[in-house]
Amino acid sequence: TKRTEQVVGGKVTDGSIKRLTFRLLRGGELLGTGRVTSLRHGDKDIKEAKEGQECGLRTESAIPLQLGDVLEVFIKELKRKEK
């Protein structure tokens, strides 16, 4: 699948958002994943946007984003299995 780059505006509704991988949810359904490649607040590049803050995001995803989509940003954690 070809990944398309898109610039969108959004508001952080829970937690914070960083330049990481995201799950794309539309109408409560998981459609796929993508990645936040850049974050901006006003005319400044930022590392993180916190809850309640509005920001601009540059994203890469195989699925074009639409108004009302929810991006769930997550960190992959590797854990060792207990023996």
Protein backbone atom coordinates (compact mmCIF):
# COMPACT_ATOMS: atom_id res chain seq x y z
CA THR A 1 0.00 0.00 0.00
CA LYS A 2 1.24 3.45 -0.92
CA ARG A 3 1.58 5.79 2.02
CA THR A 4 0.23 9.28 1.50
CA GLU A 5 1.36 12.38 3.32
CA GLN A 6 -1.29 14.69 4.70
CA VAL A 7 -1.32 17.83 6.82
CA VAL A 8 -4.27 18.02 9.22
CA GLY A 9 -5.35 20.05 12.21
CA GLY A 10 -6.61 18.50 15.40
CA LYS A 11 -7.13 18.78 19.12
CA VAL A 12 -5.65 16.49 21.76
CA THR A 13 -8.62 15.06 23.69
CA ASP A 14 -6.77 12.69 26.01
CA GLY A 15 -3.14 12.37 27.09
CA SER A 16 -0.61 13.83 24.67
CA ILE A 17 0.54 13.38 21.09
CA LYS A 18 4.08 12.99 19.82
CA ARG A 19 5.77 12.05 16.56
CA LEU A 20 4.90 8.36 16.80
CA THR A 21 2.82 5.64 15.18
CA PHE A 22 -0.96 5.95 15.41
CA ARG A 23 -4.06 3.80 15.02
CA LEU A 24 -6.72 5.34 12.78
CA LEU A 25 -10.26 5.02 14.13
CA ARG A 26 -13.35 6.12 12.20
CA GLY A 27 -16.76 5.71 13.81
CA GLY A 28 -15.15 3.55 16.51
CA GLU A 29 -13.73 1.15 13.91
CA LEU A 30 -10.01 0.51 13.44
CA LEU A 31 -9.12 1.25 9.80
CA GLY A 32 -5.34 1.00 9.94
CA THR A 33 -2.22 2.69 11.17
CA GLY A 34 0.01 5.58 10.21
CA ARG A 35 2.69 7.82 11.61
CA VAL A 36 2.88 11.42 12.81
CA THR A 37 5.99 12.84 11.11
CA SER A 38 5.73 16.46 12.26
CA LEU A 39 3.87 18.48 14.92
CA ARG A 40 3.28 22.21 14.92
CA HIS A 41 1.65 24.72 17.24
CA GLY A 42 1.14 28.08 15.54
CA ASP A 43 4.28 28.58 13.45
CA LYS A 44 6.56 26.58 15.76
CA ASP A 45 7.68 22.96 15.50
CA ILE A 46 6.91 21.14 18.76
CA LYS A 47 7.87 17.75 20.17
CA GLU A 48 4.59 17.15 21.97
CA ALA A 49 1.03 18.51 22.18
CA LYS A 50 -0.76 18.05 25.50
CA GLU A 51 -4.42 17.45 26.36
CA GLY A 52 -6.68 20.33 25.33
CA GLN A 53 -4.10 21.78 22.93
CA GLU A 54 -4.75 22.25 19.22
CA CYS A 55 -1.98 21.39 16.79
CA GLY A 56 -1.10 20.79 13.17
CA LEU A 57 0.11 17.34 12.22
CA ARG A 58 1.91 16.02 9.18
CA THR A 59 0.94 12.38 8.84
CA GLU A 60 1.77 9.38 6.69
CA SER A 61 -0.94 6.77 6.25
CA ALA A 62 -2.25 4.45 3.54
CA ILE A 63 -5.76 5.69 4.39
CA PRO A 64 -6.63 9.35 3.72
CA LEU A 65 -7.79 11.04 6.93
CA GLN A 66 -11.28 12.52 7.16
CA LEU A 67 -12.96 15.04 9.45
CA GLY A 68 -13.95 13.30 12.70
CA ASP A 69 -11.26 10.59 12.53
CA VAL A 70 -9.52 9.70 15.80
CA LEU A 71 -5.77 9.12 15.89
CA GLU A 72 -4.56 7.01 18.81
CA VAL A 73 -0.83 7.53 19.17
CA PHE A 74 1.02 4.69 20.84
CA ILE A 75 4.48 3.56 21.83
CA LYS A 76 5.52 -0.01 21.14
CA GLU A 77 7.09 -1.50 24.25
CA LEU A 78 9.14 -4.64 24.16
CA LYS A 79 8.98 -6.68 27.33
CA ARG A 80 11.04 -9.67 28.29
CA LYS A 81 9.18 -12.81 29.09
CA GLU A 82 9.52 -13.92 32.68
CA LYS A 83 11.07 -17.36 32.99
